PDB file of all heavy atoms in Angstrom:
ATOM      1  N   VAL A   1     105.689 112.411  64.104  1.00  0.00           N
ATOM      2  CA  VAL A   1     104.930 113.649  64.333  1.00  0.00           C
ATOM      3  C   VAL A   1     105.888 114.732  64.805  1.00  0.00           C
ATOM      4  O   VAL A   1     106.719 114.487  65.695  1.00  0.00           O
ATOM      5  CB  VAL A   1     103.826 113.415  65.386  1.00  0.00           C
ATOM      6  CG1 VAL A   1     103.092 114.708  65.692  1.00  0.00           C
ATOM      7  CG2 VAL A   1     102.854 112.357  64.900  1.00  0.00           C
ATOM      8  N   THR A   2     105.799 115.915  64.241  1.00  0.00           N
ATOM      9  CA  THR A   2     106.735 116.983  64.594  1.00  0.00           C
ATOM     10  C   THR A   2     106.396 117.647  65.921  1.00  0.00           C
ATOM     11  O   THR A   2     107.267 118.172  66.601  1.00  0.00           O
ATOM     12  CB  THR A   2     106.765 118.052  63.492  1.00  0.00           C
ATOM     13  OG1 THR A   2     105.430 118.540  63.282  1.00  0.00           O
ATOM     14  CG2 THR A   2     107.300 117.470  62.195  1.00  0.00           C
ATOM     15  N   SER A   3     105.129 117.633  66.313  1.00  0.00           N
ATOM     16  CA  SER A   3     104.718 118.288  67.557  1.00  0.00           C
ATOM     17  C   SER A   3     104.192 117.257  68.547  1.00  0.00           C
ATOM     18  O   SER A   3     103.312 116.448  68.210  1.00  0.00           O
ATOM     19  CB  SER A   3     103.622 119.321  67.273  1.00  0.00           C
ATOM     20  OG  SER A   3     103.061 119.805  68.483  1.00  0.00           O
ATOM     21  N   TYR A   4     104.727 117.289  69.771  1.00  0.00           N
ATOM     22  CA  TYR A   4     104.239 116.349  70.775  1.00  0.00           C
ATOM     23  C   TYR A   4     102.816 116.694  71.221  1.00  0.00           C
ATOM     24  O   TYR A   4     102.135 115.871  71.834  1.00  0.00           O
ATOM     25  CB  TYR A   4     105.175 116.291  71.977  1.00  0.00           C
ATOM     26  CG  TYR A   4     105.315 117.568  72.771  1.00  0.00           C
ATOM     27  CD1 TYR A   4     104.351 117.937  73.706  1.00  0.00           C
ATOM     28  CD2 TYR A   4     106.422 118.396  72.610  1.00  0.00           C
ATOM     29  CE1 TYR A   4     104.482 119.105  74.447  1.00  0.00           C
ATOM     30  CE2 TYR A   4     106.558 119.563  73.350  1.00  0.00           C
ATOM     31  CZ  TYR A   4     105.589 119.903  74.264  1.00  0.00           C
ATOM     32  OH  TYR A   4     105.719 121.051  75.005  1.00  0.00           O
ATOM     33  N   GLY A   5     102.358 117.906  70.910  1.00  0.00           N
ATOM     34  CA  GLY A   5     100.987 118.276  71.228  1.00  0.00           C
ATOM     35  C   GLY A   5      99.970 117.400  70.500  1.00  0.00           C
ATOM     36  O   GLY A   5      98.866 117.161  71.004  1.00  0.00           O
ATOM     37  N   VAL A   6     100.341 116.924  69.311  1.00  0.00           N
ATOM     38  CA  VAL A   6      99.452 116.032  68.556  1.00  0.00           C
ATOM     39  C   VAL A   6      99.230 114.738  69.335  1.00  0.00           C
ATOM     40  O   VAL A   6      98.117 114.218  69.412  1.00  0.00           O
ATOM     41  CB  VAL A   6     100.061 115.724  67.172  1.00  0.00           C
ATOM     42  CG1 VAL A   6      99.233 114.669  66.441  1.00  0.00           C
ATOM     43  CG2 VAL A   6     100.162 116.985  66.340  1.00  0.00           C
ATOM     44  N   VAL A   7     100.304 114.219  69.934  1.00  0.00           N
ATOM     45  CA  VAL A   7     100.200 112.995  70.733  1.00  0.00           C
ATOM     46  C   VAL A   7      99.356 113.246  71.981  1.00  0.00           C
ATOM     47  O   VAL A   7      98.502 112.440  72.350  1.00  0.00           O
ATOM     48  CB  VAL A   7     101.598 112.485  71.134  1.00  0.00           C
ATOM     49  CG1 VAL A   7     101.485 111.258  72.032  1.00  0.00           C
ATOM     50  CG2 VAL A   7     102.418 112.165  69.899  1.00  0.00           C
ATOM     51  N   GLY A   8      99.599 114.379  72.636  1.00  0.00           N
ATOM     52  CA  GLY A   8      98.825 114.710  73.830  1.00  0.00           C
ATOM     53  C   GLY A   8      97.340 114.793  73.541  1.00  0.00           C
ATOM     54  O   GLY A   8      96.516 114.296  74.314  1.00  0.00           O
ATOM     55  N   TRP A   9      96.987 115.413  72.396  1.00  0.00           N
ATOM     56  CA  TRP A   9      95.574 115.539  72.036  1.00  0.00           C
ATOM     57  C   TRP A   9      94.982 114.175  71.693  1.00  0.00           C
ATOM     58  O   TRP A   9      93.837 113.864  72.063  1.00  0.00           O
ATOM     59  CB  TRP A   9      95.422 116.491  70.865  1.00  0.00           C
ATOM     60  CG  TRP A   9      94.025 116.623  70.348  1.00  0.00           C
ATOM     61  CD1 TRP A   9      93.575 116.367  69.089  1.00  0.00           C
ATOM     62  CD2 TRP A   9      92.872 117.042  71.079  1.00  0.00           C
ATOM     63  NE1 TRP A   9      92.234 116.593  68.983  1.00  0.00           N
ATOM     64  CE2 TRP A   9      91.761 117.010  70.196  1.00  0.00           C
ATOM     65  CE3 TRP A   9      92.668 117.443  72.394  1.00  0.00           C
ATOM     66  CZ2 TRP A   9      90.482 117.364  70.578  1.00  0.00           C
ATOM     67  CZ3 TRP A   9      91.384 117.795  72.800  1.00  0.00           C
ATOM     68  CH2 TRP A   9      90.308 117.754  71.899  1.00  0.00           C
ATOM     69  N   ALA A  10      95.755 113.331  71.008  1.00  0.00           N
ATOM     70  CA  ALA A  10      95.277 111.987  70.673  1.00  0.00           C
ATOM     71  C   ALA A  10      95.005 111.177  71.938  1.00  0.00           C
ATOM     72  O   ALA A  10      93.993 110.484  72.047  1.00  0.00           O
ATOM     73  CB  ALA A  10      96.307 111.267  69.800  1.00  0.00           C
ATOM     74  N   CYS A  11      95.901 111.279  72.921  1.00  0.00           N
ATOM     75  CA  CYS A  11      95.731 110.558  74.185  1.00  0.00           C
ATOM     76  C   CYS A  11      94.487 111.049  74.929  1.00  0.00           C
ATOM     77  O   CYS A  11      93.752 110.257  75.517  1.00  0.00           O
ATOM     78  CB  CYS A  11      96.970 110.717  75.056  1.00  0.00           C
ATOM     79  SG  CYS A  11      98.448 109.881  74.415  1.00  0.00           S
ATOM     80  N   THR A  12      94.260 112.349  74.904  1.00  0.00           N
ATOM     81  CA  THR A  12      93.074 112.914  75.557  1.00  0.00           C
ATOM     82  C   THR A  12      91.799 112.394  74.909  1.00  0.00           C
ATOM     83  O   THR A  12      90.835 112.027  75.593  1.00  0.00           O
ATOM     84  CB  THR A  12      93.105 114.449  75.478  1.00  0.00           C
ATOM     85  OG1 THR A  12      94.263 114.933  76.177  1.00  0.00           O
ATOM     86  CG2 THR A  12      91.858 115.051  76.110  1.00  0.00           C
ATOM     87  N   GLN A  13      91.777 112.339  73.579  1.00  0.00           N
ATOM     88  CA  GLN A  13      90.607 111.839  72.867  1.00  0.00           C
ATOM     89  C   GLN A  13      90.338 110.378  73.195  1.00  0.00           C
ATOM     90  O   GLN A  13      89.186 109.965  73.365  1.00  0.00           O
ATOM     91  CB  GLN A  13      90.798 112.027  71.358  1.00  0.00           C
ATOM     92  CG  GLN A  13      90.722 113.484  70.906  1.00  0.00           C
ATOM     93  CD  GLN A  13      90.876 113.615  69.410  1.00  0.00           C
ATOM     94  OE1 GLN A  13      91.838 113.136  68.839  1.00  0.00           O
ATOM     95  NE2 GLN A  13      89.917 114.248  68.771  1.00  0.00           N
ATOM     96  N   VAL A  14      91.396 109.587  73.265  1.00  0.00           N
ATOM     97  CA  VAL A  14      91.231 108.167  73.582  1.00  0.00           C
ATOM     98  C   VAL A  14      90.678 107.992  74.993  1.00  0.00           C
ATOM     99  O   VAL A  14      89.770 107.191  75.225  1.00  0.00           O
ATOM    100  CB  VAL A  14      92.573 107.418  73.420  1.00  0.00           C
ATOM    101  CG1 VAL A  14      92.458 105.989  73.972  1.00  0.00           C
ATOM    102  CG2 VAL A  14      92.988 107.381  71.959  1.00  0.00           C
ATOM    103  N   ARG A  15      91.219 108.754  75.958  1.00  0.00           N
ATOM    104  CA  ARG A  15      90.736 108.638  77.340  1.00  0.00           C
ATOM    105  C   ARG A  15      89.254 109.002  77.443  1.00  0.00           C
ATOM    106  O   ARG A  15      88.488 108.347  78.163  1.00  0.00           O
ATOM    107  CB  ARG A  15      91.578 109.520  78.263  1.00  0.00           C
ATOM    108  CG  ARG A  15      92.952 108.949  78.587  1.00  0.00           C
ATOM    109  CD  ARG A  15      93.594 109.700  79.728  1.00  0.00           C
ATOM    110  NE  ARG A  15      93.944 111.058  79.350  1.00  0.00           N
ATOM    111  CZ  ARG A  15      95.127 111.417  78.861  1.00  0.00           C
ATOM    112  NH1 ARG A  15      96.076 110.501  78.692  1.00  0.00           N
ATOM    113  NH2 ARG A  15      95.372 112.669  78.549  1.00  0.00           N
ATOM    114  N   ARG A  16      88.841 110.023  76.728  1.00  0.00           N
ATOM    115  CA  ARG A  16      87.424 110.407  76.739  1.00  0.00           C
ATOM    116  C   ARG A  16      86.558 109.319  76.120  1.00  0.00           C
ATOM    117  O   ARG A  16      85.474 109.006  76.619  1.00  0.00           O
ATOM    118  CB  ARG A  16      87.243 111.726  75.991  1.00  0.00           C
ATOM    119  CG  ARG A  16      87.805 112.939  76.723  1.00  0.00           C
ATOM    120  CD  ARG A  16      87.682 114.197  75.876  1.00  0.00           C
ATOM    121  NE  ARG A  16      88.163 115.367  76.594  1.00  0.00           N
ATOM    122  CZ  ARG A  16      88.326 116.570  76.045  1.00  0.00           C
ATOM    123  NH1 ARG A  16      88.030 116.739  74.761  1.00  0.00           N
ATOM    124  NH2 ARG A  16      88.769 117.580  76.760  1.00  0.00           N
ATOM    125  N   LYS A  17      87.042 108.750  75.042  1.00  0.00           N
ATOM    126  CA  LYS A  17      86.286 107.708  74.354  1.00  0.00           C
ATOM    127  C   LYS A  17      86.198 106.450  75.217  1.00  0.00           C
ATOM    128  O   LYS A  17      85.187 105.743  75.195  1.00  0.00           O
ATOM    129  CB  LYS A  17      86.964 107.396  73.008  1.00  0.00           C
ATOM    130  CG  LYS A  17      86.079 106.700  71.986  1.00  0.00           C
ATOM    131  CD  LYS A  17      86.812 106.595  70.667  1.00  0.00           C
ATOM    132  CE  LYS A  17      85.972 105.889  69.612  1.00  0.00           C
ATOM    133  NZ  LYS A  17      84.797 106.685  69.220  1.00  0.00           N
ATOM    134  N   LEU A  18      87.231 106.161  75.980  1.00  0.00           N
ATOM    135  CA  LEU A  18      87.219 105.011  76.884  1.00  0.00           C
ATOM    136  C   LEU A  18      86.122 105.153  77.934  1.00  0.00           C
ATOM    137  O   LEU A  18      85.503 104.170  78.350  1.00  0.00           O
ATOM    138  CB  LEU A  18      88.579 104.860  77.574  1.00  0.00           C
ATOM    139  CG  LEU A  18      89.729 104.331  76.716  1.00  0.00           C
ATOM    140  CD1 LEU A  18      91.049 104.447  77.469  1.00  0.00           C
ATOM    141  CD2 LEU A  18      89.483 102.885  76.317  1.00  0.00           C
ATOM    142  N   THR A  19      85.897 106.381  78.370  1.00  0.00           N
ATOM    143  CA  THR A  19      84.867 106.639  79.372  1.00  0.00           C
ATOM    144  C   THR A  19      83.463 106.593  78.775  1.00  0.00           C
ATOM    145  O   THR A  19      82.516 106.136  79.424  1.00  0.00           O
ATOM    146  CB  THR A  19      85.093 108.022  80.015  1.00  0.00           C
ATOM    147  OG1 THR A  19      86.410 108.059  80.588  1.00  0.00           O
ATOM    148  CG2 THR A  19      84.076 108.302  81.115  1.00  0.00           C
ATOM    149  N   ALA A  20      83.342 107.013  77.521  1.00  0.00           N
ATOM    150  CA  ALA A  20      82.015 107.185  76.920  1.00  0.00           C
ATOM    151  C   ALA A  20      81.514 105.965  76.162  1.00  0.00           C
ATOM    152  O   ALA A  20      80.290 105.760  76.065  1.00  0.00           O
ATOM    153  CB  ALA A  20      82.033 108.396  75.977  1.00  0.00           C
ATOM    154  N   GLU A  21      82.418 105.135  75.625  1.00  0.00           N
ATOM    155  CA  GLU A  21      81.976 104.049  74.742  1.00  0.00           C
ATOM    156  C   GLU A  21      82.479 102.697  75.252  1.00  0.00           C
ATOM    157  O   GLU A  21      83.687 102.434  75.259  1.00  0.00           O
ATOM    158  CB  GLU A  21      82.476 104.298  73.317  1.00  0.00           C
ATOM    159  CG  GLU A  21      81.936 105.585  72.703  1.00  0.00           C
ATOM    160  CD  GLU A  21      82.391 105.783  71.272  1.00  0.00           C
ATOM    161  OE1 GLU A  21      82.788 104.789  70.632  1.00  0.00           O
ATOM    162  OE2 GLU A  21      82.363 106.943  70.801  1.00  0.00           O
ATOM    163  N   ARG A  22      81.552 101.832  75.629  1.00  0.00           N
ATOM    164  CA  ARG A  22      81.903 100.544  76.228  1.00  0.00           C
ATOM    165  C   ARG A  22      82.606  99.623  75.229  1.00  0.00           C
ATOM    166  O   ARG A  22      83.577  98.958  75.570  1.00  0.00           O
ATOM    167  CB  ARG A  22      80.642  99.868  76.760  1.00  0.00           C
ATOM    168  CG  ARG A  22      80.905  98.527  77.434  1.00  0.00           C
ATOM    169  CD  ARG A  22      79.630  97.943  78.000  1.00  0.00           C
ATOM    170  NE  ARG A  22      79.062  98.814  79.019  1.00  0.00           N
ATOM    171  CZ  ARG A  22      77.926  98.542  79.662  1.00  0.00           C
ATOM    172  NH1 ARG A  22      77.247  97.436  79.374  1.00  0.00           N
ATOM    173  NH2 ARG A  22      77.473  99.368  80.591  1.00  0.00           N
ATOM    174  N   GLN A  23      82.116  99.574  73.998  1.00  0.00           N
ATOM    175  CA  GLN A  23      82.717  98.679  73.001  1.00  0.00           C
ATOM    176  C   GLN A  23      84.145  99.080  72.674  1.00  0.00           C
ATOM    177  O   GLN A  23      85.022  98.238  72.517  1.00  0.00           O
ATOM    178  CB  GLN A  23      81.863  98.657  71.726  1.00  0.00           C
ATOM    179  CG  GLN A  23      80.548  97.899  71.871  1.00  0.00           C
ATOM    180  CD  GLN A  23      80.778  96.456  72.280  1.00  0.00           C
ATOM    181  OE1 GLN A  23      80.334  96.021  73.336  1.00  0.00           O
ATOM    182  NE2 GLN A  23      81.484  95.714  71.453  1.00  0.00           N
ATOM    183  N   PHE A  24      84.346 100.386  72.574  1.00  0.00           N
ATOM    184  CA  PHE A  24      85.704 100.885  72.320  1.00  0.00           C
ATOM    185  C   PHE A  24      86.620 100.505  73.472  1.00  0.00           C
ATOM    186  O   PHE A  24      87.753 100.064  73.260  1.00  0.00           O
ATOM    187  CB  PHE A  24      85.665 102.405  72.144  1.00  0.00           C
ATOM    188  CG  PHE A  24      87.014 103.038  71.945  1.00  0.00           C
ATOM    189  CD1 PHE A  24      87.689 102.930  70.749  1.00  0.00           C
ATOM    190  CD2 PHE A  24      87.611 103.750  72.986  1.00  0.00           C
ATOM    191  CE1 PHE A  24      88.943 103.520  70.581  1.00  0.00           C
ATOM    192  CE2 PHE A  24      88.852 104.337  72.822  1.00  0.00           C
ATOM    193  CZ  PHE A  24      89.512 104.217  71.606  1.00  0.00           C
ATOM    194  N   LYS A  25      86.142 100.647  74.692  1.00  0.00           N
ATOM    195  CA  LYS A  25      86.929 100.295  75.865  1.00  0.00           C
ATOM    196  C   LYS A  25      87.300  98.821  75.856  1.00  0.00           C
ATOM    197  O   LYS A  25      88.429  98.448  76.186  1.00  0.00           O
ATOM    198  CB  LYS A  25      86.158 100.637  77.141  1.00  0.00           C
ATOM    199  CG  LYS A  25      86.928 100.357  78.428  1.00  0.00           C
ATOM    200  CD  LYS A  25      86.101 100.752  79.642  1.00  0.00           C
ATOM    201  CE  LYS A  25      86.900 100.471  80.925  1.00  0.00           C
ATOM    202  NZ  LYS A  25      86.120 100.829  82.133  1.00  0.00           N
ATOM    203  N   LYS A  26      86.357  97.968  75.442  1.00  0.00           N
ATOM    204  CA  LYS A  26      86.628  96.529  75.394  1.00  0.00           C
ATOM    205  C   LYS A  26      87.727  96.214  74.384  1.00  0.00           C
ATOM    206  O   LYS A  26      88.579  95.348  74.627  1.00  0.00           O
ATOM    207  CB  LYS A  26      85.351  95.771  75.033  1.00  0.00           C
ATOM    208  CG  LYS A  26      84.326  95.702  76.159  1.00  0.00           C
ATOM    209  CD  LYS A  26      83.122  94.864  75.748  1.00  0.00           C
ATOM    210  CE  LYS A  26      82.134  94.745  76.903  1.00  0.00           C
ATOM    211  NZ  LYS A  26      80.943  93.936  76.511  1.00  0.00           N
ATOM    212  N   ARG A  27      87.734  96.903  73.248  1.00  0.00           N
ATOM    213  CA  ARG A  27      88.768  96.661  72.231  1.00  0.00           C
ATOM    214  C   ARG A  27      90.146  97.069  72.738  1.00  0.00           C
ATOM    215  O   ARG A  27      91.124  96.352  72.539  1.00  0.00           O
ATOM    216  CB  ARG A  27      88.432  97.421  70.945  1.00  0.00           C
ATOM    217  CG  ARG A  27      87.172  96.953  70.258  1.00  0.00           C
ATOM    218  CD  ARG A  27      86.944  97.702  68.958  1.00  0.00           C
ATOM    219  NE  ARG A  27      87.772  97.188  67.878  1.00  0.00           N
ATOM    220  CZ  ARG A  27      87.787  97.695  66.650  1.00  0.00           C
ATOM    221  NH1 ARG A  27      87.032  98.756  66.360  1.00  0.00           N
ATOM    222  NH2 ARG A  27      88.550  97.177  65.719  1.00  0.00           N
ATOM    223  N   VAL A  28      90.206  98.212  73.404  1.00  0.00           N
ATOM    224  CA  VAL A  28      91.493  98.667  73.940  1.00  0.00           C
ATOM    225  C   VAL A  28      91.964  97.720  75.039  1.00  0.00           C
ATOM    226  O   VAL A  28      93.156  97.385  75.120  1.00  0.00           O
ATOM    227  CB  VAL A  28      91.379 100.112  74.467  1.00  0.00           C
ATOM    228  CG1 VAL A  28      92.685 100.541  75.124  1.00  0.00           C
ATOM    229  CG2 VAL A  28      91.038 101.069  73.321  1.00  0.00           C
ATOM    230  N   GLU A  29      91.055  97.282  75.891  1.00  0.00           N
ATOM    231  CA  GLU A  29      91.420  96.330  76.946  1.00  0.00           C
ATOM    232  C   GLU A  29      91.901  95.012  76.357  1.00  0.00           C
ATOM    233  O   GLU A  29      92.815  94.372  76.903  1.00  0.00           O
ATOM    234  CB  GLU A  29      90.228  96.098  77.874  1.00  0.00           C
ATOM    235  CG  GLU A  29      89.909  97.291  78.763  1.00  0.00           C
ATOM    236  CD  GLU A  29      88.670  97.073  79.600  1.00  0.00           C
ATOM    237  OE1 GLU A  29      87.873  96.146  79.275  1.00  0.00           O
ATOM    238  OE2 GLU A  29      88.470  97.834  80.584  1.00  0.00           O
TER     239      GLU A  29
END
């Protein structure tokens, strides 16, 4: 990826999804 902002935005989306979706959180765990 040419811009580190893409990674930052992806990480933010994942953190939000971890809080909102239990099944998604279980898969990441």
